[in-house]
Amino acid sequence: MDVLPGGGRDLEPAAIAAVLADDLLALESDVTLIVDDLHAARADAPAALLDGLLRHPPPRLHPIVSSRTGFDSPSARRLRVRERALSLGEDDLRFGRDEIAAMLGM
C-alpha cells in the first residue's frame, strides 16, 4: 500500500481515493467496504472520498453504503444508471402485511 504524504491530511479526497483505488486493484480476493451512517459525517470529505473511489471502482471492491439521507454523488448515480449499484429506500425495507404475518407465524 502506498503511504500518503503527511498521512493524507493535506490531500484532497479525490487524490486519496485514487491511491486507495490503485492499491485495491492489486487485491486477489473480493473486499466488501461497509460505510455505515454516512449521513452522520460532519464534513464533506468522507462522501467526496467515497465518490472518488466509486468513480472507477476496482472490480473486487463491493461497497455498501448506509445513510438515512441517501448517497447521491455523481459516481453513485452513474453506477445506478449502469445497473452496477442498487439503492434501497424506506419503502423497500418496510414489511408488507404478508411478510409481517409470515414473520409472526400467523
C-alpha atoms as a PDB file:
ATOM      1  CA  MET A   1       0.000   0.000   0.000  1.00  0.00           C
ATOM      2  CA  ASP A   2       1.244   3.465  -0.859  1.00  0.00           C
ATOM      3  CA  VAL A   3       1.974   5.813   2.006  1.00  0.00           C
ATOM      4  CA  LEU A   4       0.241   9.158   1.703  1.00  0.00           C
ATOM      5  CA  PRO A   5       2.355  12.268   2.359  1.00  0.00           C
ATOM      6  CA  GLY A   6       1.548  13.700   5.773  1.00  0.00           C
ATOM      7  CA  GLY A   7      -0.805  10.808   6.415  1.00  0.00           C
ATOM      8  CA  GLY A   8      -3.127  12.258   3.781  1.00  0.00           C
ATOM      9  CA  ARG A   9      -4.202  15.209   5.937  1.00  0.00           C
ATOM     10  CA  ASP A  10      -3.371  17.820   3.282  1.00  0.00           C
ATOM     11  CA  LEU A  11      -4.583  15.871   0.261  1.00  0.00           C
ATOM     12  CA  GLU A  12      -7.912  16.271  -1.475  1.00  0.00           C
ATOM     13  CA  PRO A  13     -10.309  13.321  -1.068  1.00  0.00           C
ATOM     14  CA  ALA A  14     -10.067  12.556  -4.806  1.00  0.00           C
ATOM     15  CA  ALA A  15      -6.282  12.125  -4.520  1.00  0.00           C
ATOM     16  CA  ILE A  16      -6.647   9.789  -1.538  1.00  0.00           C
ATOM     17  CA  ALA A  17      -9.334   7.825  -3.398  1.00  0.00           C
ATOM     18  CA  ALA A  18      -7.047   7.422  -6.418  1.00  0.00           C
ATOM     19  CA  VAL A  19      -4.234   5.984  -4.278  1.00  0.00           C
ATOM     20  CA  LEU A  20      -6.661   3.682  -2.472  1.00  0.00           C
ATOM     21  CA  ALA A  21      -8.238   2.508  -5.743  1.00  0.00           C
ATOM     22  CA  ASP A  22      -4.801   1.729  -7.183  1.00  0.00           C
ATOM     23  CA  ASP A  23      -3.962  -0.343  -4.118  1.00  0.00           C
ATOM     24  CA  LEU A  24      -7.289  -2.154  -4.284  1.00  0.00           C
ATOM     25  CA  LEU A  25      -6.627  -3.138  -7.904  1.00  0.00           C
ATOM     26  CA  ALA A  26      -3.856  -5.420  -6.645  1.00  0.00           C
ATOM     27  CA  LEU A  27      -6.224  -7.460  -4.467  1.00  0.00           C
ATOM     28  CA  GLU A  28      -6.541 -11.123  -5.277  1.00  0.00           C
ATOM     29  CA  SER A  29      -9.807 -11.617  -3.424  1.00  0.00           C
ATOM     30  CA  ASP A  30     -13.024  -9.665  -3.055  1.00  0.00           C
ATOM     31  CA  VAL A  31     -13.351  -6.966  -0.404  1.00  0.00           C
ATOM     32  CA  THR A  32     -16.565  -5.555   0.996  1.00  0.00           C
ATOM     33  CA  LEU A  33     -16.283  -1.964   2.188  1.00  0.00           C
ATOM     34  CA  ILE A  34     -19.089  -1.053   4.581  1.00  0.00           C
ATOM     35  CA  VAL A  35     -19.702   2.634   5.257  1.00  0.00           C
ATOM     36  CA  ASP A  36     -22.402   2.956   7.892  1.00  0.00           C
ATOM     37  CA  ASP A  37     -24.209   6.180   8.826  1.00  0.00           C
ATOM     38  CA  LEU A  38     -22.651   8.313   6.095  1.00  0.00           C
ATOM     39  CA  HIS A  39     -25.281  10.945   6.928  1.00  0.00           C
ATOM     40  CA  ALA A  40     -23.572  11.444  10.315  1.00  0.00           C
ATOM     41  CA  ALA A  41     -20.305  12.648   8.757  1.00  0.00           C
ATOM     42  CA  ARG A  42     -19.587  16.166   9.957  1.00  0.00           C
ATOM     43  CA  ALA A  43     -17.656  17.146   6.863  1.00  0.00           C
ATOM     44  CA  ASP A  44     -17.936  16.653   3.121  1.00  0.00           C
ATOM     45  CA  ALA A  45     -14.629  14.777   2.878  1.00  0.00           C
ATOM     46  CA  PRO A  46     -15.945  11.242   3.629  1.00  0.00           C
ATOM     47  CA  ALA A  47     -18.610  11.473   0.903  1.00  0.00           C
ATOM     48  CA  ALA A  48     -16.091  13.025  -1.501  1.00  0.00           C
ATOM     49  CA  LEU A  49     -13.596  10.228  -0.777  1.00  0.00           C
ATOM     50  CA  LEU A  50     -16.272   7.598  -1.396  1.00  0.00           C
ATOM     51  CA  ASP A  51     -17.358   9.352  -4.596  1.00  0.00           C
ATOM     52  CA  GLY A  52     -13.747   9.350  -5.802  1.00  0.00           C
ATOM     53  CA  LEU A  53     -13.391   5.663  -5.015  1.00  0.00           C
ATOM     54  CA  LEU A  54     -16.587   4.861  -6.921  1.00  0.00           C
ATOM     55  CA  ARG A  55     -15.529   6.913  -9.942  1.00  0.00           C
ATOM     56  CA  HIS A  56     -13.543   3.909 -11.204  1.00  0.00           C
ATOM     57  CA  PRO A  57     -14.310   1.158  -8.693  1.00  0.00           C
ATOM     58  CA  PRO A  58     -11.834  -1.710  -8.539  1.00  0.00           C
ATOM     59  CA  PRO A  59     -13.532  -4.918  -9.736  1.00  0.00           C
ATOM     60  CA  ARG A  60     -13.008  -6.745  -6.439  1.00  0.00           C
ATOM     61  CA  LEU A  61     -14.445  -3.919  -4.335  1.00  0.00           C
ATOM     62  CA  HIS A  62     -18.054  -4.293  -3.198  1.00  0.00           C
ATOM     63  CA  PRO A  63     -19.090  -1.143  -1.323  1.00  0.00           C
ATOM     64  CA  ILE A  64     -22.159  -0.994   0.884  1.00  0.00           C
ATOM     65  CA  VAL A  65     -23.217   2.493   1.965  1.00  0.00           C
ATOM     66  CA  SER A  66     -25.764   3.123   4.680  1.00  0.00           C
ATOM     67  CA  SER A  67     -27.204   6.619   5.051  1.00  0.00           C
ATOM     68  CA  ARG A  68     -30.534   7.990   6.232  1.00  0.00           C
ATOM     69  CA  THR A  69     -30.339  10.744   3.618  1.00  0.00           C
ATOM     70  CA  GLY A  70     -29.198   8.649   0.664  1.00  0.00           C
ATOM     71  CA  PHE A  71     -25.904   8.879  -1.176  1.00  0.00           C
ATOM     72  CA  ASP A  72     -26.463  10.718  -4.418  1.00  0.00           C
ATOM     73  CA  SER A  73     -22.967  11.511  -5.628  1.00  0.00           C
ATOM     74  CA  PRO A  74     -22.168  11.742  -9.350  1.00  0.00           C
ATOM     75  CA  SER A  75     -20.347   8.396  -9.247  1.00  0.00           C
ATOM     76  CA  ALA A  76     -23.175   6.668  -7.368  1.00  0.00           C
ATOM     77  CA  ARG A  77     -25.727   7.974  -9.895  1.00  0.00           C
ATOM     78  CA  ARG A  78     -23.555   6.776 -12.775  1.00  0.00           C
ATOM     79  CA  LEU A  79     -23.290   3.285 -11.243  1.00  0.00           C
ATOM     80  CA  ARG A  80     -27.064   3.112 -10.708  1.00  0.00           C
ATOM     81  CA  VAL A  81     -27.709   4.087 -14.340  1.00  0.00           C
ATOM     82  CA  ARG A  82     -25.348   1.326 -15.472  1.00  0.00           C
ATOM     83  CA  GLU A  83     -27.127  -1.084 -13.107  1.00  0.00           C
ATOM     84  CA  ARG A  84     -23.932  -1.639 -11.151  1.00  0.00           C
ATOM     85  CA  ALA A  85     -25.424  -0.227  -7.936  1.00  0.00           C
ATOM     86  CA  LEU A  86     -28.685  -0.631  -6.107  1.00  0.00           C
ATOM     87  CA  SER A  87     -30.383   1.861  -3.824  1.00  0.00           C
ATOM     88  CA  LEU A  88     -32.850   0.746  -1.204  1.00  0.00           C
ATOM     89  CA  GLY A  89     -35.195   3.246   0.409  1.00  0.00           C
ATOM     90  CA  GLU A  90     -37.623   3.007   3.287  1.00  0.00           C
ATOM     91  CA  ASP A  91     -40.348   1.630   1.019  1.00  0.00           C
ATOM     92  CA  ASP A  92     -38.039  -1.250   0.037  1.00  0.00           C
ATOM     93  CA  LEU A  93     -37.276  -2.022   3.673  1.00  0.00           C
ATOM     94  CA  ARG A  94     -40.821  -1.750   5.017  1.00  0.00           C
ATOM     95  CA  PHE A  95     -42.544  -5.065   5.746  1.00  0.00           C
ATOM     96  CA  GLY A  96     -45.822  -5.767   3.956  1.00  0.00           C
ATOM     97  CA  ARG A  97     -48.805  -7.388   5.673  1.00  0.00           C
ATOM     98  CA  ASP A  98     -47.955 -10.835   4.272  1.00  0.00           C
ATOM     99  CA  GLU A  99     -44.338 -10.524   5.408  1.00  0.00           C
ATOM    100  CA  ILE A 100     -45.397  -9.462   8.908  1.00  0.00           C
ATOM    101  CA  ALA A 101     -47.825 -12.373   9.146  1.00  0.00           C
ATOM    102  CA  ALA A 102     -45.144 -14.824   7.966  1.00  0.00           C
ATOM    103  CA  MET A 103     -42.632 -13.451  10.469  1.00  0.00           C
ATOM    104  CA  LEU A 104     -45.117 -13.732  13.336  1.00  0.00           C
ATOM    105  CA  GLY A 105     -46.195 -17.200  12.217  1.00  0.00           C
ATOM    106  CA  MET A 106     -49.772 -16.104  11.576  1.00  0.00           C
END
